Amino acid sequence: MYYFLGVINMNEIPRSYLRLFNAASDAIALIDEMNFGAAKEMLKNGQIWAEELYLAEMQGELTGEQELEIYLHAMREEAKAEKELADREADERDDKRPAE
């Protein structure tokens, strides 16, 4: 996991940046595990969530309810991507099995 260096006031950092930073850190860990598909999805979801947070922040103060809604949306997208990946991997395994 990668962290900020030095002393930083966390209230001064936009939530959108923190989300994207965390997604990049998580993706790096997945790349270290050679899980490139999951790393790509992590980055894509991080971009989506960061953009939504940024737009909400630009429109005014982001409420806890809005942040939760954005988080849940990102998690639904991540779950959908994980299911699609699992389905593709299962199909690939089925294609490699010898015919009986």
PDB file of N, CA and C in Angstrom:
ATOM      1  N   MET A   1       0.860  -1.172   0.000  1.00  0.00           N
ATOM      2  CA  MET A   1       0.000   0.000   0.000  1.00  0.00           C
ATOM      3  C   MET A   1       0.902   1.229   0.000  1.00  0.00           C
ATOM      4  N   TYR A   2       0.516   2.233  -0.749  1.00  0.00           N
ATOM      5  CA  TYR A   2       1.278   3.462  -0.851  1.00  0.00           C
ATOM      6  C   TYR A   2       0.569   4.559  -0.071  1.00  0.00           C
ATOM      7  N   TYR A   3       1.351   5.403   0.590  1.00  0.00           N
ATOM      8  CA  TYR A   3       0.774   6.430   1.443  1.00  0.00           C
ATOM      9  C   TYR A   3       1.389   7.779   1.131  1.00  0.00           C
ATOM     10  N   PHE A   4       0.687   8.833   1.537  1.00  0.00           N
ATOM     11  CA  PHE A   4       1.224  10.183   1.423  1.00  0.00           C
ATOM     12  C   PHE A   4       2.446  10.312   2.308  1.00  0.00           C
ATOM     13  N   LEU A   5       3.427  11.060   1.845  1.00  0.00           N
ATOM     14  CA  LEU A   5       4.602  11.339   2.658  1.00  0.00           C
ATOM     15  C   LEU A   5       4.457  12.726   3.254  1.00  0.00           C
ATOM     16  N   GLY A   6       4.906  12.885   4.466  1.00  0.00           N
ATOM     17  CA  GLY A   6       4.855  14.198   5.101  1.00  0.00           C
ATOM     18  C   GLY A   6       3.544  14.420   5.830  1.00  0.00           C
ATOM     19  N   VAL A   7       3.413  15.616   6.376  1.00  0.00           N
ATOM     20  CA  VAL A   7       2.221  15.978   7.139  1.00  0.00           C
ATOM     21  C   VAL A   7       1.273  16.730   6.219  1.00  0.00           C
ATOM     22  N   ILE A   8       0.064  16.217   6.089  1.00  0.00           N
ATOM     23  CA  ILE A   8      -0.930  16.819   5.212  1.00  0.00           C
ATOM     24  C   ILE A   8      -2.233  16.941   5.986  1.00  0.00           C
ATOM     25  N   ASN A   9      -2.871  18.086   5.870  1.00  0.00           N
ATOM     26  CA  ASN A   9      -4.186  18.263   6.471  1.00  0.00           C
ATOM     27  C   ASN A   9      -5.199  17.580   5.558  1.00  0.00           C
ATOM     28  N   MET A  10      -5.756  16.468   6.009  1.00  0.00           N
ATOM     29  CA  MET A  10      -6.665  15.665   5.176  1.00  0.00           C
ATOM     30  C   MET A  10      -7.920  16.434   4.790  1.00  0.00           C
ATOM     31  N   ASN A  11      -8.294  17.461   5.549  1.00  0.00           N
ATOM     32  CA  ASN A  11      -9.482  18.244   5.211  1.00  0.00           C
ATOM     33  C   ASN A  11      -9.257  19.128   3.991  1.00  0.00           C
ATOM     34  N   GLU A  12      -7.997  19.347   3.619  1.00  0.00           N
ATOM     35  CA  GLU A  12      -7.691  20.195   2.470  1.00  0.00           C
ATOM     36  C   GLU A  12      -7.643  19.416   1.160  1.00  0.00           C
ATOM     37  N   ILE A  13      -7.626  18.098   1.236  1.00  0.00           N
ATOM     38  CA  ILE A  13      -7.512  17.272   0.036  1.00  0.00           C
ATOM     39  C   ILE A  13      -8.921  16.897  -0.434  1.00  0.00           C
ATOM     40  N   PRO A  14      -9.235  17.158  -1.702  1.00  0.00           N
ATOM     41  CA  PRO A  14     -10.563  16.795  -2.206  1.00  0.00           C
ATOM     42  C   PRO A  14     -10.802  15.288  -2.115  1.00  0.00           C
ATOM     43  N   ARG A  15     -12.015  14.915  -1.765  1.00  0.00           N
ATOM     44  CA  ARG A  15     -12.357  13.495  -1.652  1.00  0.00           C
ATOM     45  C   ARG A  15     -12.156  12.777  -2.977  1.00  0.00           C
ATOM     46  N   SER A  16     -12.411  13.471  -4.074  1.00  0.00           N
ATOM     47  CA  SER A  16     -12.250  12.854  -5.388  1.00  0.00           C
ATOM     48  C   SER A  16     -10.799  12.429  -5.607  1.00  0.00           C
ATOM     49  N   TYR A  17      -9.856  13.267  -5.201  1.00  0.00           N
ATOM     50  CA  TYR A  17      -8.437  12.925  -5.336  1.00  0.00           C
ATOM     51  C   TYR A  17      -8.093  11.724  -4.459  1.00  0.00           C
ATOM     52  N   LEU A  18      -8.582  11.723  -3.225  1.00  0.00           N
ATOM     53  CA  LEU A  18      -8.293  10.617  -2.320  1.00  0.00           C
ATOM     54  C   LEU A  18      -8.810   9.301  -2.883  1.00  0.00           C
ATOM     55  N   ARG A  19     -10.008   9.338  -3.461  1.00  0.00           N
ATOM     56  CA  ARG A  19     -10.582   8.119  -4.031  1.00  0.00           C
ATOM     57  C   ARG A  19      -9.728   7.606  -5.182  1.00  0.00           C
ATOM     58  N   LEU A  20      -9.325   8.502  -6.054  1.00  0.00           N
ATOM     59  CA  LEU A  20      -8.506   8.096  -7.188  1.00  0.00           C
ATOM     60  C   LEU A  20      -7.141   7.600  -6.717  1.00  0.00           C
ATOM     61  N   PHE A  21      -6.563   8.272  -5.729  1.00  0.00           N
ATOM     62  CA  PHE A  21      -5.282   7.852  -5.161  1.00  0.00           C
ATOM     63  C   PHE A  21      -5.395   6.444  -4.577  1.00  0.00           C
ATOM     64  N   ASN A  22      -6.471   6.191  -3.822  1.00  0.00           N
ATOM     65  CA  ASN A  22      -6.667   4.870  -3.220  1.00  0.00           C
ATOM     66  C   ASN A  22      -6.874   3.795  -4.276  1.00  0.00           C
ATOM     67  N   ALA A  23      -7.612   4.120  -5.333  1.00  0.00           N
ATOM     68  CA  ALA A  23      -7.825   3.152  -6.414  1.00  0.00           C
ATOM     69  C   ALA A  23      -6.499   2.824  -7.088  1.00  0.00           C
ATOM     70  N   ALA A  24      -5.668   3.835  -7.307  1.00  0.00           N
ATOM     71  CA  ALA A  24      -4.359   3.595  -7.923  1.00  0.00           C
ATOM     72  C   ALA A  24      -3.497   2.722  -7.010  1.00  0.00           C
ATOM     73  N   SER A  25      -3.523   2.985  -5.710  1.00  0.00           N
ATOM     74  CA  SER A  25      -2.753   2.175  -4.761  1.00  0.00           C
ATOM     75  C   SER A  25      -3.228   0.726  -4.771  1.00  0.00           C
ATOM     76  N   ASP A  26      -4.549   0.533  -4.779  1.00  0.00           N
ATOM     77  CA  ASP A  26      -5.101  -0.824  -4.823  1.00  0.00           C
ATOM     78  C   ASP A  26      -4.747  -1.517  -6.136  1.00  0.00           C
ATOM     79  N   ALA A  27      -4.781  -0.777  -7.234  1.00  0.00           N
ATOM     80  CA  ALA A  27      -4.436  -1.348  -8.544  1.00  0.00           C
ATOM     81  C   ALA A  27      -2.969  -1.771  -8.570  1.00  0.00           C
ATOM     82  N   ILE A  28      -2.092  -0.975  -7.975  1.00  0.00           N
ATOM     83  CA  ILE A  28      -0.676  -1.349  -7.921  1.00  0.00           C
ATOM     84  C   ILE A  28      -0.504  -2.663  -7.176  1.00  0.00           C
ATOM     85  N   ALA A  29      -1.223  -2.832  -6.084  1.00  0.00           N
ATOM     86  CA  ALA A  29      -1.155  -4.089  -5.335  1.00  0.00           C
ATOM     87  C   ALA A  29      -1.645  -5.257  -6.197  1.00  0.00           C
ATOM     88  N   LEU A  30      -2.709  -5.045  -6.968  1.00  0.00           N
ATOM     89  CA  LEU A  30      -3.218  -6.091  -7.855  1.00  0.00           C
ATOM     90  C   LEU A  30      -2.228  -6.406  -8.966  1.00  0.00           C
ATOM     91  N   ILE A  31      -1.540  -5.379  -9.481  1.00  0.00           N
ATOM     92  CA  ILE A  31      -0.517  -5.611 -10.507  1.00  0.00           C
ATOM     93  C   ILE A  31       0.624  -6.425  -9.916  1.00  0.00           C
ATOM     94  N   ASP A  32       1.011  -6.122  -8.682  1.00  0.00           N
ATOM     95  CA  ASP A  32       2.057  -6.896  -8.012  1.00  0.00           C
ATOM     96  C   ASP A  32       1.670  -8.370  -7.915  1.00  0.00           C
ATOM     97  N   GLU A  33       0.367  -8.639  -7.813  1.00  0.00           N
ATOM     98  CA  GLU A  33      -0.144 -10.012  -7.759  1.00  0.00           C
ATOM     99  C   GLU A  33      -0.382 -10.574  -9.157  1.00  0.00           C
ATOM    100  N   MET A  34      -0.060  -9.774 -10.186  1.00  0.00           N
ATOM    101  CA  MET A  34      -0.244 -10.127 -11.602  1.00  0.00           C
ATOM    102  C   MET A  34      -1.720 -10.345 -11.944  1.00  0.00           C
ATOM    103  N   ASN A  35      -2.589  -9.630 -11.247  1.00  0.00           N
ATOM    104  CA  ASN A  35      -4.021  -9.685 -11.508  1.00  0.00           C
ATOM    105  C   ASN A  35      -4.385  -8.443 -12.323  1.00  0.00           C
ATOM    106  N   PHE A  36      -4.002  -8.454 -13.594  1.00  0.00           N
ATOM    107  CA  PHE A  36      -4.103  -7.273 -14.426  1.00  0.00           C
ATOM    108  C   PHE A  36      -5.543  -6.872 -14.750  1.00  0.00           C
ATOM    109  N   GLY A  37      -6.410  -7.854 -14.942  1.00  0.00           N
ATOM    110  CA  GLY A  37      -7.807  -7.546 -15.225  1.00  0.00           C
ATOM    111  C   GLY A  37      -8.473  -6.823 -14.070  1.00  0.00           C
ATOM    112  N   ALA A  38      -8.242  -7.317 -12.865  1.00  0.00           N
ATOM    113  CA  ALA A  38      -8.818  -6.675 -11.679  1.00  0.00           C
ATOM    114  C   ALA A  38      -8.208  -5.295 -11.460  1.00  0.00           C
ATOM    115  N   ALA A  39      -6.916  -5.146 -11.766  1.00  0.00           N
ATOM    116  CA  ALA A  39      -6.263  -3.841 -11.628  1.00  0.00           C
ATOM    117  C   ALA A  39      -6.887  -2.835 -12.588  1.00  0.00           C
ATOM    118  N   LYS A  40      -7.134  -3.270 -13.806  1.00  0.00           N
ATOM    119  CA  LYS A  40      -7.765  -2.386 -14.796  1.00  0.00           C
ATOM    120  C   LYS A  40      -9.151  -1.962 -14.323  1.00  0.00           C
ATOM    121  N   GLU A  41      -9.927  -2.898 -13.813  1.00  0.00           N
ATOM    122  CA  GLU A  41     -11.268  -2.581 -13.328  1.00  0.00           C
ATOM    123  C   GLU A  41     -11.210  -1.639 -12.125  1.00  0.00           C
ATOM    124  N   MET A  42     -10.232  -1.846 -11.256  1.00  0.00           N
ATOM    125  CA  MET A  42     -10.066  -0.985 -10.087  1.00  0.00           C
ATOM    126  C   MET A  42      -9.807   0.449 -10.534  1.00  0.00           C
ATOM    127  N   LEU A  43      -8.942   0.617 -11.523  1.00  0.00           N
ATOM    128  CA  LEU A  43      -8.643   1.961 -12.024  1.00  0.00           C
ATOM    129  C   LEU A  43      -9.857   2.591 -12.695  1.00  0.00           C
ATOM    130  N   LYS A  44     -10.579   1.804 -13.494  1.00  0.00           N
ATOM    131  CA  LYS A  44     -11.772   2.335 -14.160  1.00  0.00           C
ATOM    132  C   LYS A  44     -12.816   2.770 -13.138  1.00  0.00           C
ATOM    133  N   ASN A  45     -13.043   1.932 -12.124  1.00  0.00           N
ATOM    134  CA  ASN A  45     -14.022   2.281 -11.092  1.00  0.00           C
ATOM    135  C   ASN A  45     -13.561   3.479 -10.281  1.00  0.00           C
ATOM    136  N   GLY A  46     -12.262   3.561 -10.023  1.00  0.00           N
ATOM    137  CA  GLY A  46     -11.716   4.713  -9.320  1.00  0.00           C
ATOM    138  C   GLY A  46     -11.951   6.001 -10.098  1.00  0.00           C
ATOM    139  N   GLN A  47     -11.783   5.934 -11.413  1.00  0.00           N
ATOM    140  CA  GLN A  47     -12.042   7.103 -12.257  1.00  0.00           C
ATOM    141  C   GLN A  47     -13.510   7.518 -12.182  1.00  0.00           C
ATOM    142  N   ILE A  48     -14.391   6.544 -12.281  1.00  0.00           N
ATOM    143  CA  ILE A  48     -15.831   6.832 -12.258  1.00  0.00           C
ATOM    144  C   ILE A  48     -16.214   7.481 -10.930  1.00  0.00           C
ATOM    145  N   TRP A  49     -15.780   6.860  -9.833  1.00  0.00           N
ATOM    146  CA  TRP A  49     -16.143   7.371  -8.517  1.00  0.00           C
ATOM    147  C   TRP A  49     -15.523   8.736  -8.271  1.00  0.00           C
ATOM    148  N   ALA A  50     -14.265   8.907  -8.660  1.00  0.00           N
ATOM    149  CA  ALA A  50     -13.602  10.197  -8.465  1.00  0.00           C
ATOM    150  C   ALA A  50     -14.302  11.292  -9.259  1.00  0.00           C
ATOM    151  N   GLU A  51     -14.712  10.981 -10.480  1.00  0.00           N
ATOM    152  CA  GLU A  51     -15.407  11.982 -11.296  1.00  0.00           C
ATOM    153  C   GLU A  51     -16.741  12.369 -10.668  1.00  0.00           C
ATOM    154  N   GLU A  52     -17.477  11.368 -10.201  1.00  0.00           N
ATOM    155  CA  GLU A  52     -18.765  11.650  -9.569  1.00  0.00           C
ATOM    156  C   GLU A  52     -18.585  12.473  -8.299  1.00  0.00           C
ATOM    157  N   LEU A  53     -17.578  12.133  -7.510  1.00  0.00           N
ATOM    158  CA  LEU A  53     -17.298  12.908  -6.301  1.00  0.00           C
ATOM    159  C   LEU A  53     -16.897  14.336  -6.654  1.00  0.00           C
ATOM    160  N   TYR A  54     -16.051  14.481  -7.662  1.00  0.00           N
ATOM    161  CA  TYR A  54     -15.596  15.812  -8.068  1.00  0.00           C
ATOM    162  C   TYR A  54     -16.778  16.684  -8.496  1.00  0.00           C
ATOM    163  N   LEU A  55     -17.653  16.133  -9.332  1.00  0.00           N
ATOM    164  CA  LEU A  55     -18.816  16.895  -9.792  1.00  0.00           C
ATOM    165  C   LEU A  55     -19.711  17.287  -8.628  1.00  0.00           C
ATOM    166  N   ALA A  56     -19.913  16.365  -7.693  1.00  0.00           N
ATOM    167  CA  ALA A  56     -20.739  16.664  -6.522  1.00  0.00           C
ATOM    168  C   ALA A  56     -20.074  17.744  -5.671  1.00  0.00           C
ATOM    169  N   GLU A  57     -18.763  17.684  -5.529  1.00  0.00           N
ATOM    170  CA  GLU A  57     -18.037  18.679  -4.745  1.00  0.00           C
ATOM    171  C   GLU A  57     -18.125  20.057  -5.395  1.00  0.00           C
ATOM    172  N   MET A  58     -18.099  20.097  -6.722  1.00  0.00           N
ATOM    173  CA  MET A  58     -18.152  21.376  -7.428  1.00  0.00           C
ATOM    174  C   MET A  58     -19.541  22.027  -7.323  1.00  0.00           C
ATOM    175  N   GLN A  59     -20.563  21.212  -7.108  1.00  0.00           N
ATOM    176  CA  GLN A  59     -21.925  21.728  -6.990  1.00  0.00           C
ATOM    177  C   GLN A  59     -22.226  22.212  -5.575  1.00  0.00           C
ATOM    178  N   GLY A  60     -21.338  21.979  -4.668  1.00  0.00           N
ATOM    179  CA  GLY A  60     -21.557  22.393  -3.280  1.00  0.00           C
ATOM    180  C   GLY A  60     -21.077  21.327  -2.333  1.00  0.00           C
ATOM    181  N   GLU A  61     -21.423  21.485  -1.083  1.00  0.00           N
ATOM    182  CA  GLU A  61     -20.980  20.530  -0.070  1.00  0.00           C
ATOM    183  C   GLU A  61     -21.587  19.161  -0.339  1.00  0.00           C
ATOM    184  N   LEU A  62     -20.763  18.170  -0.262  1.00  0.00           N
ATOM    185  CA  LEU A  62     -21.172  16.796  -0.486  1.00  0.00           C
ATOM    186  C   LEU A  62     -21.720  16.231   0.828  1.00  0.00           C
ATOM    187  N   THR A  63     -22.969  15.819   0.819  1.00  0.00           N
ATOM    188  CA  THR A  63     -23.563  15.265   2.037  1.00  0.00           C
ATOM    189  C   THR A  63     -23.160  13.805   2.193  1.00  0.00           C
ATOM    190  N   GLY A  64     -23.293  13.301   3.392  1.00  0.00           N
ATOM    191  CA  GLY A  64     -22.988  11.898   3.642  1.00  0.00           C
ATOM    192  C   GLY A  64     -23.849  10.980   2.800  1.00  0.00           C
ATOM    193  N   GLU A  65     -25.097  11.359   2.604  1.00  0.00           N
ATOM    194  CA  GLU A  65     -26.014  10.556   1.793  1.00  0.00           C
ATOM    195  C   GLU A  65     -25.552  10.501   0.338  1.00  0.00           C
ATOM    196  N   GLN A  66     -25.119  11.644  -0.202  1.00  0.00           N
ATOM    197  CA  GLN A  66     -24.623  11.668  -1.581  1.00  0.00           C
ATOM    198  C   GLN A  66     -23.359  10.827  -1.718  1.00  0.00           C
ATOM    199  N   GLU A  67     -22.473  10.955  -0.744  1.00  0.00           N
ATOM    200  CA  GLU A  67     -21.234  10.189  -0.802  1.00  0.00           C
ATOM    201  C   GLU A  67     -21.532   8.688  -0.736  1.00  0.00           C
ATOM    202  N   LEU A  68     -22.479   8.305   0.110  1.00  0.00           N
ATOM    203  CA  LEU A  68     -22.868   6.902   0.206  1.00  0.00           C
ATOM    204  C   LEU A  68     -23.469   6.422  -1.114  1.00  0.00           C
ATOM    205  N   GLU A  69     -24.303   7.234  -1.730  1.00  0.00           N
ATOM    206  CA  GLU A  69     -24.906   6.871  -3.008  1.00  0.00           C
ATOM    207  C   GLU A  69     -23.822   6.662  -4.078  1.00  0.00           C
ATOM    208  N   ILE A  70     -22.856   7.551  -4.119  1.00  0.00           N
ATOM    209  CA  ILE A  70     -21.764   7.438  -5.090  1.00  0.00           C
ATOM    210  C   ILE A  70     -20.950   6.176  -4.804  1.00  0.00           C
ATOM    211  N   TYR A  71     -20.671   5.928  -3.534  1.00  0.00           N
ATOM    212  CA  TYR A  71     -19.916   4.730  -3.153  1.00  0.00           C
ATOM    213  C   TYR A  71     -20.660   3.464  -3.579  1.00  0.00           C
ATOM    214  N   LEU A  72     -21.952   3.401  -3.292  1.00  0.00           N
ATOM    215  CA  LEU A  72     -22.736   2.217  -3.642  1.00  0.00           C
ATOM    216  C   LEU A  72     -22.784   2.009  -5.144  1.00  0.00           C
ATOM    217  N   HIS A  73     -22.887   3.103  -5.894  1.00  0.00           N
ATOM    218  CA  HIS A  73     -22.866   3.002  -7.354  1.00  0.00           C
ATOM    219  C   HIS A  73     -21.544   2.392  -7.826  1.00  0.00           C
ATOM    220  N   ALA A  74     -20.442   2.865  -7.276  1.00  0.00           N
ATOM    221  CA  ALA A  74     -19.130   2.351  -7.659  1.00  0.00           C
ATOM    222  C   ALA A  74     -18.990   0.879  -7.284  1.00  0.00           C
ATOM    223  N   MET A  75     -19.500   0.498  -6.120  1.00  0.00           N
ATOM    224  CA  MET A  75     -19.410  -0.894  -5.690  1.00  0.00           C
ATOM    225  C   MET A  75     -20.270  -1.806  -6.573  1.00  0.00           C
ATOM    226  N   ARG A  76     -21.438  -1.313  -6.997  1.00  0.00           N
ATOM    227  CA  ARG A  76     -22.266  -2.101  -7.921  1.00  0.00           C
ATOM    228  C   ARG A  76     -21.539  -2.318  -9.235  1.00  0.00           C
ATOM    229  N   GLU A  77     -20.888  -1.263  -9.740  1.00  0.00           N
ATOM    230  CA  GLU A  77     -20.126  -1.384 -10.983  1.00  0.00           C
ATOM    231  C   GLU A  77     -18.968  -2.366 -10.807  1.00  0.00           C
ATOM    232  N   GLU A  78     -18.304  -2.308  -9.665  1.00  0.00           N
ATOM    233  CA  GLU A  78     -17.193  -3.216  -9.403  1.00  0.00           C
ATOM    234  C   GLU A  78     -17.682  -4.658  -9.328  1.00  0.00           C
ATOM    235  N   ALA A  79     -18.795  -4.892  -8.648  1.00  0.00           N
ATOM    236  CA  ALA A  79     -19.351  -6.242  -8.533  1.00  0.00           C
ATOM    237  C   ALA A  79     -19.755  -6.769  -9.910  1.00  0.00           C
ATOM    238  N   LYS A  80     -20.341  -5.907 -10.723  1.00  0.00           N
ATOM    239  CA  LYS A  80     -20.729  -6.293 -12.082  1.00  0.00           C
ATOM    240  C   LYS A  80     -19.496  -6.691 -12.890  1.00  0.00           C
ATOM    241  N   ALA A  81     -18.436  -5.905 -12.799  1.00  0.00           N
ATOM    242  CA  ALA A  81     -17.204  -6.198 -13.536  1.00  0.00           C
ATOM    243  C   ALA A  81     -16.579  -7.500 -13.048  1.00  0.00           C
ATOM    244  N   GLU A  82     -16.594  -7.735 -11.733  1.00  0.00           N
ATOM    245  CA  GLU A  82     -16.044  -8.970 -11.189  1.00  0.00           C
ATOM    246  C   GLU A  82     -16.831 -10.180 -11.659  1.00  0.00           C
ATOM    247  N   LYS A  83     -18.161 -10.062 -11.709  1.00  0.00           N
ATOM    248  CA  LYS A  83     -18.986 -11.169 -12.190  1.00  0.00           C
ATOM    249  C   LYS A  83     -18.708 -11.456 -13.657  1.00  0.00           C
ATOM    250  N   GLU A  84     -18.606 -10.406 -14.469  1.00  0.00           N
ATOM    251  CA  GLU A  84     -18.301 -10.590 -15.889  1.00  0.00           C
ATOM    252  C   GLU A  84     -16.951 -11.265 -16.072  1.00  0.00           C
ATOM    253  N   LEU A  85     -15.968 -10.861 -15.291  1.00  0.00           N
ATOM    254  CA  LEU A  85     -14.640 -11.479 -15.366  1.00  0.00           C
ATOM    255  C   LEU A  85     -14.709 -12.942 -14.958  1.00  0.00           C
ATOM    256  N   ALA A  86     -15.414 -13.248 -13.886  1.00  0.00           N
ATOM    257  CA  ALA A  86     -15.550 -14.634 -13.431  1.00  0.00           C
ATOM    258  C   ALA A  86     -16.260 -15.476 -14.481  1.00  0.00           C
ATOM    259  N   ASP A  87     -17.294 -14.911 -15.117  1.00  0.00           N
ATOM    260  CA  ASP A  87     -18.013 -15.632 -16.171  1.00  0.00           C
ATOM    261  C   ASP A  87     -17.100 -15.927 -17.358  1.00  0.00           C
ATOM    262  N   ARG A  88     -16.284 -14.919 -17.756  1.00  0.00           N
ATOM    263  CA  ARG A  88     -15.353 -15.125 -18.877  1.00  0.00           C
ATOM    264  C   ARG A  88     -14.325 -16.196 -18.532  1.00  0.00           C
ATOM    265  N   GLU A  89     -13.809 -16.161 -17.305  1.00  0.00           N
ATOM    266  CA  GLU A  89     -12.827 -17.161 -16.890  1.00  0.00           C
ATOM    267  C   GLU A  89     -13.445 -18.557 -16.870  1.00  0.00           C
ATOM    268  N   ALA A  90     -14.694 -18.667 -16.417  1.00  0.00           N
ATOM    269  CA  ALA A  90     -15.380 -19.960 -16.401  1.00  0.00           C
ATOM    270  C   ALA A  90     -15.592 -20.455 -17.824  1.00  0.00           C
ATOM    271  N   ASP A  91     -15.963 -19.566 -18.741  1.00  0.00           N
ATOM    272  CA  ASP A  91     -16.145 -19.951 -20.138  1.00  0.00           C
ATOM    273  C   ASP A  91     -14.827 -20.431 -20.746  1.00  0.00           C
ATOM    274  N   GLU A  92     -13.732 -19.755 -20.406  1.00  0.00           N
ATOM    275  CA  GLU A  92     -12.425 -20.155 -20.918  1.00  0.00           C
ATOM    276  C   GLU A  92     -12.040 -21.533 -20.402  1.00  0.00           C
ATOM    277  N   ARG A  93     -12.327 -21.805 -19.128  1.00  0.00           N
ATOM    278  CA  ARG A  93     -12.032 -23.123 -18.569  1.00  0.00           C
ATOM    279  C   ARG A  93     -12.862 -24.194 -19.270  1.00  0.00           C
ATOM    280  N   ASP A  94     -14.127 -23.885 -19.526  1.00  0.00           N
ATOM    281  CA  ASP A  94     -14.997 -24.843 -20.219  1.00  0.00           C
ATOM    282  C   ASP A  94     -14.501 -25.108 -21.625  1.00  0.00           C
ATOM    283  N   ASP A  95     -14.011 -24.083 -22.302  1.00  0.00           N
ATOM    284  CA  ASP A  95     -13.518 -24.252 -23.672  1.00  0.00           C
ATOM    285  C   ASP A  95     -12.262 -25.114 -23.726  1.00  0.00           C
ATOM    286  N   LYS A  96     -11.493 -25.129 -22.647  1.00  0.00           N
ATOM    287  CA  LYS A  96     -10.229 -25.879 -22.619  1.00  0.00           C
ATOM    288  C   LYS A  96     -10.416 -27.327 -22.196  1.00  0.00           C
ATOM    289  N   ARG A  97     -11.595 -27.676 -21.680  1.00  0.00           N
ATOM    290  CA  ARG A  97     -11.846 -29.062 -21.259  1.00  0.00           C
ATOM    291  C   ARG A  97     -11.982 -29.960 -22.481  1.00  0.00           C
ATOM    292  N   PRO A  98     -11.398 -31.158 -22.383  1.00  0.00           N
ATOM    293  CA  PRO A  98     -11.544 -32.089 -23.505  1.00  0.00           C
ATOM    294  C   PRO A  98     -12.994 -32.597 -23.579  1.00  0.00           C
ATOM    295  N   ALA A  99     -13.444 -32.817 -24.783  1.00  0.00           N
ATOM    296  CA  ALA A  99     -14.809 -33.337 -24.989  1.00  0.00           C
ATOM    297  C   ALA A  99     -14.896 -34.745 -24.471  1.00  0.00           C
ATOM    298  N   GLU A 100     -16.024 -35.075 -23.858  1.00  0.00           N
ATOM    299  CA  GLU A 100     -16.189 -36.433 -23.309  1.00  0.00           C
ATOM    300  C   GLU A 100     -16.819 -37.332 -24.316  1.00  0.00           C
TER     301      GLU A 100
END
